[in-house]
N, C-alpha and C. Protein backbone atom coordinates (compact mmCIF):
# COMPACT_ATOMS: atom_id res chain seq x y z
N MET A 1 18.43 -3.19 -96.34
CA MET A 1 17.61 -3.37 -95.14
C MET A 1 18.00 -4.64 -94.07
N PRO A 2 18.72 -4.64 -93.27
CA PRO A 2 18.88 -5.74 -92.35
C PRO A 2 17.61 -6.53 -91.95
N LYS A 3 17.87 -7.71 -92.13
CA LYS A 3 16.73 -8.71 -91.64
C LYS A 3 16.73 -8.97 -90.29
N VAL A 4 15.63 -8.69 -89.61
CA VAL A 4 15.37 -8.76 -88.09
C VAL A 4 15.06 -10.08 -87.75
N PRO A 5 15.82 -10.80 -86.83
CA PRO A 5 15.33 -12.27 -86.49
C PRO A 5 13.94 -12.26 -85.95
N PRO A 6 13.21 -13.29 -86.35
CA PRO A 6 11.87 -13.23 -85.70
C PRO A 6 11.76 -13.32 -84.23
N TYR A 7 10.70 -12.83 -83.47
CA TYR A 7 10.68 -13.26 -82.27
C TYR A 7 9.97 -14.32 -81.79
N SER A 8 10.27 -14.85 -80.53
CA SER A 8 9.83 -16.16 -80.18
C SER A 8 8.44 -16.09 -80.22
N ASP A 9 7.59 -17.33 -80.13
CA ASP A 9 6.44 -17.55 -79.81
C ASP A 9 5.76 -17.07 -78.58
N GLU A 10 6.82 -17.32 -77.57
CA GLU A 10 6.33 -16.91 -76.19
C GLU A 10 6.58 -15.41 -76.02
N PHE A 11 7.45 -14.92 -76.56
CA PHE A 11 7.36 -13.31 -76.65
C PHE A 11 6.21 -12.70 -77.27
N LYS A 12 5.51 -13.40 -78.30
CA LYS A 12 4.48 -12.75 -79.13
C LYS A 12 3.17 -13.08 -78.06
N ARG A 13 3.24 -14.06 -77.43
CA ARG A 13 1.83 -14.59 -76.89
C ARG A 13 1.98 -13.54 -75.47
N GLU A 14 3.08 -13.21 -74.88
CA GLU A 14 3.16 -12.27 -74.01
C GLU A 14 2.73 -10.93 -74.24
N ALA A 15 3.26 -10.57 -75.44
CA ALA A 15 2.90 -9.18 -76.00
C ALA A 15 1.56 -9.05 -76.11
N VAL A 16 0.81 -10.00 -76.81
CA VAL A 16 -0.65 -9.94 -76.90
C VAL A 16 -1.30 -10.08 -75.74
N LYS A 17 -0.93 -10.76 -74.68
CA LYS A 17 -1.52 -10.87 -73.39
C LYS A 17 -1.48 -9.58 -72.59
N LEU A 18 -0.31 -8.69 -72.85
CA LEU A 18 -0.24 -7.47 -72.20
C LEU A 18 -1.36 -6.43 -73.15
N LEU A 19 -1.60 -6.68 -74.23
CA LEU A 19 -2.30 -5.81 -75.16
C LEU A 19 -3.79 -6.19 -74.49
N ARG A 20 -4.06 -7.31 -74.31
CA ARG A 20 -5.33 -7.77 -74.26
C ARG A 20 -5.72 -7.25 -72.64
N SER A 21 -4.60 -7.03 -71.75
CA SER A 21 -4.95 -6.73 -70.34
C SER A 21 -5.75 -5.16 -70.49
N GLY A 22 -5.48 -4.67 -71.28
CA GLY A 22 -6.05 -3.28 -71.53
C GLY A 22 -5.67 -2.04 -70.95
N ASP A 23 -4.34 -2.31 -70.15
CA ASP A 23 -3.60 -1.30 -69.63
C ASP A 23 -3.25 -0.26 -70.63
N ARG A 24 -2.75 -0.83 -71.83
CA ARG A 24 -2.00 0.12 -72.76
C ARG A 24 -2.68 -0.26 -74.19
N GLY A 25 -2.60 0.89 -74.87
CA GLY A 25 -3.07 0.79 -76.40
C GLY A 25 -1.74 0.31 -77.33
N VAL A 26 -2.37 -0.06 -78.44
CA VAL A 26 -1.14 -0.75 -79.62
C VAL A 26 -0.19 0.10 -79.57
N PRO A 27 -0.34 1.30 -80.01
CA PRO A 27 1.13 2.35 -80.11
C PRO A 27 1.90 2.43 -78.92
N GLN A 28 1.32 2.56 -77.86
CA GLN A 28 2.11 2.58 -76.32
C GLN A 28 2.77 1.46 -76.26
N LEU A 29 2.23 0.18 -76.46
CA LEU A 29 2.92 -0.92 -76.02
C LEU A 29 3.81 -1.36 -77.16
N ALA A 30 3.56 -1.19 -78.31
CA ALA A 30 4.62 -1.51 -79.36
C ALA A 30 5.70 -0.72 -79.16
N LYS A 31 5.52 0.46 -78.79
CA LYS A 31 6.87 1.34 -78.58
C LYS A 31 7.54 0.82 -77.42
N GLU A 32 6.92 0.41 -76.33
CA GLU A 32 7.41 -0.12 -75.06
C GLU A 32 8.42 -1.32 -75.25
N LEU A 33 7.78 -2.17 -76.16
CA LEU A 33 8.22 -3.40 -76.52
C LEU A 33 9.54 -3.49 -77.61
N GLY A 34 9.46 -2.28 -78.40
CA GLY A 34 10.24 -2.25 -79.49
C GLY A 34 9.87 -2.99 -80.79
N VAL A 35 8.50 -3.11 -80.81
CA VAL A 35 8.07 -3.80 -82.17
C VAL A 35 7.22 -2.87 -82.91
N SER A 36 6.89 -3.39 -84.16
CA SER A 36 5.89 -2.18 -84.97
C SER A 36 4.26 -2.43 -84.35
N GLU A 37 3.58 -1.55 -84.66
CA GLU A 37 2.24 -1.74 -84.36
C GLU A 37 1.46 -2.78 -85.15
N GLY A 38 2.09 -2.82 -86.37
CA GLY A 38 1.47 -3.76 -87.36
C GLY A 38 1.80 -5.32 -86.68
N SER A 39 3.01 -5.35 -86.31
CA SER A 39 3.34 -6.85 -85.81
C SER A 39 2.50 -7.06 -84.83
N LEU A 40 2.42 -6.24 -83.50
CA LEU A 40 1.51 -6.34 -82.51
C LEU A 40 0.03 -6.76 -82.99
N ARG A 41 -0.60 -6.03 -83.74
CA ARG A 41 -1.81 -6.24 -84.26
C ARG A 41 -1.85 -7.69 -85.08
N SER A 42 -1.00 -8.05 -85.80
CA SER A 42 -0.95 -9.26 -86.65
C SER A 42 -0.88 -10.54 -85.50
N TRP A 43 -0.01 -10.24 -84.55
CA TRP A 43 0.05 -11.27 -83.55
C TRP A 43 -1.10 -11.52 -82.69
N SER A 44 -1.97 -10.46 -82.49
CA SER A 44 -3.16 -10.55 -81.66
C SER A 44 -4.33 -11.22 -82.88
N ALA A 45 -4.23 -11.06 -84.00
CA ALA A 45 -5.25 -11.51 -84.93
C ALA A 45 -4.79 -12.95 -85.08
N GLN A 46 -3.68 -13.51 -85.15
CA GLN A 46 -3.13 -14.86 -85.53
C GLN A 46 -3.76 -15.57 -84.06
N LEU A 47 -3.47 -15.03 -82.77
CA LEU A 47 -3.80 -15.76 -81.71
C LEU A 47 -5.21 -15.89 -81.61
N ASP A 48 -6.16 -14.95 -82.21
CA ASP A 48 -7.46 -15.32 -82.06
C ASP A 48 -7.87 -16.55 -83.26
N VAL A 49 -7.20 -16.47 -84.35
CA VAL A 49 -7.26 -17.71 -85.10
C VAL A 49 -7.04 -18.98 -84.55
N ASP A 50 -5.78 -18.91 -83.88
CA ASP A 50 -5.12 -20.26 -83.11
C ASP A 50 -6.10 -20.69 -82.09
N GLU A 51 -6.78 -19.57 -81.41
CA GLU A 51 -7.76 -20.00 -80.29
C GLU A 51 -9.17 -20.22 -80.76
N GLY A 52 -9.25 -20.56 -82.26
CA GLY A 52 -10.54 -20.58 -82.88
C GLY A 52 -11.60 -19.57 -82.55
N LYS A 53 -10.99 -18.43 -82.27
CA LYS A 53 -12.00 -17.11 -82.06
C LYS A 53 -12.33 -16.46 -83.37
N ALA A 54 -11.55 -16.66 -84.55
CA ALA A 54 -11.53 -16.11 -85.72
C ALA A 54 -11.10 -16.99 -86.85
N GLU A 55 -11.66 -16.72 -88.14
CA GLU A 55 -11.36 -17.83 -89.26
C GLU A 55 -10.03 -17.28 -89.85
N GLY A 56 -9.42 -18.57 -90.20
CA GLY A 56 -8.00 -18.46 -90.95
C GLY A 56 -7.29 -19.53 -90.74
N LEU A 57 -5.90 -19.64 -91.28
CA LEU A 57 -5.25 -20.87 -91.00
C LEU A 57 -4.44 -20.45 -89.69
N SER A 58 -4.31 -21.51 -88.83
CA SER A 58 -3.97 -21.63 -87.57
C SER A 58 -2.30 -21.46 -87.91
N SER A 59 -1.56 -21.23 -86.84
CA SER A 59 -0.10 -21.25 -86.87
C SER A 59 0.69 -22.45 -87.56
N GLY A 60 0.25 -23.69 -87.06
CA GLY A 60 0.51 -25.02 -87.30
C GLY A 60 0.14 -25.14 -88.90
N GLU A 61 -0.80 -24.69 -89.33
CA GLU A 61 -1.36 -25.10 -90.56
C GLU A 61 -0.46 -23.97 -91.68
N ARG A 62 -0.09 -22.71 -91.03
CA ARG A 62 0.78 -21.93 -91.89
C ARG A 62 2.22 -22.67 -92.01
N GLU A 63 2.83 -23.09 -90.82
CA GLU A 63 4.33 -23.78 -91.00
C GLU A 63 4.00 -24.95 -91.94
N GLU A 64 2.98 -25.71 -91.86
CA GLU A 64 2.79 -26.85 -92.89
C GLU A 64 2.64 -26.37 -94.16
N LEU A 65 2.05 -25.41 -94.41
CA LEU A 65 1.98 -24.66 -95.99
C LEU A 65 3.36 -24.20 -96.32
N LYS A 66 3.88 -23.68 -95.58
CA LYS A 66 5.41 -23.14 -96.09
C LYS A 66 6.33 -24.35 -96.21
N ARG A 67 6.19 -25.26 -95.45
CA ARG A 67 6.96 -26.60 -95.58
C ARG A 67 6.60 -27.27 -97.09
N LEU A 68 5.40 -27.29 -97.28
CA LEU A 68 4.97 -28.03 -98.44
C LEU A 68 5.32 -27.26 -99.90
N ARG A 69 5.32 -25.86 -99.76
CA ARG A 69 5.59 -25.06 -100.78
C ARG A 69 7.10 -25.13 -101.07
N ARG A 70 7.87 -25.27 -100.07
CA ARG A 70 9.25 -25.58 -100.34
C ARG A 70 9.51 -26.93 -100.84
N GLU A 71 8.79 -28.01 -100.47
CA GLU A 71 8.93 -29.38 -100.88
C GLU A 71 8.44 -29.26 -102.53
N VAL A 72 7.36 -28.74 -102.62
CA VAL A 72 6.92 -28.52 -104.14
C VAL A 72 7.97 -27.89 -105.07
N LYS A 73 8.55 -26.81 -104.85
CA LYS A 73 9.50 -26.12 -105.47
C LYS A 73 10.82 -26.95 -105.59
N VAL A 74 11.19 -27.77 -104.51
CA VAL A 74 12.18 -28.68 -105.01
C VAL A 74 11.85 -29.80 -105.96
N LEU A 75 10.82 -30.14 -105.76
CA LEU A 75 10.30 -31.29 -106.62
C LEU A 75 10.36 -30.83 -108.09
N ALA A 76 9.74 -29.72 -108.19
CA ALA A 76 9.55 -28.81 -109.43
C ALA A 76 11.11 -29.00 -110.16
N GLU A 77 11.92 -28.47 -109.22
CA GLU A 77 13.43 -28.22 -109.83
C GLU A 77 13.95 -29.71 -110.25
N GLU A 78 13.78 -30.91 -109.37
CA GLU A 78 14.21 -32.10 -109.52
C GLU A 78 13.51 -32.71 -110.91
N ARG A 79 12.28 -32.31 -111.02
CA ARG A 79 11.69 -32.69 -112.36
C ARG A 79 12.25 -32.14 -113.61
N GLU A 80 12.58 -30.73 -113.51
CA GLU A 80 13.29 -30.13 -114.65
C GLU A 80 14.68 -30.80 -115.06
N ILE A 81 15.34 -31.02 -114.03
CA ILE A 81 16.58 -31.80 -114.10
C ILE A 81 16.49 -33.00 -114.88
N LEU A 82 15.71 -33.69 -114.53
CA LEU A 82 15.49 -35.18 -114.86
C LEU A 82 14.93 -35.12 -116.37
N LYS A 83 14.19 -34.07 -116.69
CA LYS A 83 13.49 -33.97 -118.06
C LYS A 83 14.86 -33.56 -119.00
N LYS A 84 15.53 -32.95 -118.54
CA LYS A 84 16.83 -32.37 -119.46
C LYS A 84 17.89 -33.69 -119.48
N ALA A 85 17.97 -34.39 -118.37
CA ALA A 85 18.69 -35.26 -118.54
C ALA A 85 18.20 -36.55 -119.43
N ALA A 86 16.96 -36.83 -119.36
CA ALA A 86 16.28 -37.76 -120.38
C ALA A 86 16.51 -37.38 -121.75
N ALA A 87 16.31 -36.06 -122.04
CA ALA A 87 16.31 -35.71 -123.52
C ALA A 87 18.00 -35.75 -123.70
N PHE A 88 18.97 -35.37 -122.94
CA PHE A 88 20.25 -35.41 -123.21
C PHE A 88 20.54 -37.03 -123.71
N PHE A 89 20.21 -37.96 -122.89
CA PHE A 89 20.42 -39.34 -122.88
C PHE A 89 19.56 -39.78 -124.29
N ALA A 90 18.41 -39.36 -124.51
CA ALA A 90 17.79 -39.73 -125.81
C ALA A 90 18.66 -39.23 -126.88
N GLN A 91 19.34 -38.07 -126.80
CA GLN A 91 20.18 -37.62 -128.03
C GLN A 91 21.34 -38.57 -128.28
N GLU A 92 21.80 -38.89 -127.12
CA GLU A 92 23.28 -39.63 -127.21
C GLU A 92 22.75 -41.05 -127.59
N THR A 93 21.67 -41.66 -127.20
CA THR A 93 21.22 -42.88 -127.85
C THR A 93 21.22 -42.78 -129.40
N ASP A 94 20.45 -41.74 -129.72
CA ASP A 94 20.31 -41.74 -131.26
C ASP A 94 21.76 -41.67 -132.01
N ARG A 95 22.52 -40.90 -131.45
CA ARG A 95 23.89 -40.70 -132.02
C ARG A 95 24.73 -41.98 -132.26
N THR A 96 24.59 -42.89 -131.17
CA THR A 96 25.32 -43.99 -131.02
C THR A 96 24.52 -45.41 -131.97
N ARG A 97 23.23 -44.99 -132.36
CA ARG A 97 22.68 -46.01 -133.21
C ARG A 97 22.68 -45.62 -134.67
N ARG A 98 23.55 -44.53 -135.07
CA ARG A 98 23.61 -44.01 -136.35
C ARG A 98 24.71 -44.60 -137.04
């Protein structure tokens, strides 16, 4: 299945604004905009969180969490490489002392 490029934040805000204007329901508006109903609902829910109307992680917090998770993954990989290198050099040092 091809990966769909993400929609801009502005597009999402405008879509939710249209939804909240009350002229159309989620199914109709989603079809008109060419997005899934689930996406439109999740954008609306996320905007509520960002505006402080609902509990949850704000968009900024979500981005920071993604960045930190990537950083942790890189650091864990680097640590594994260093552990293997230390073990290799410890073996080499043992061989040269014999």
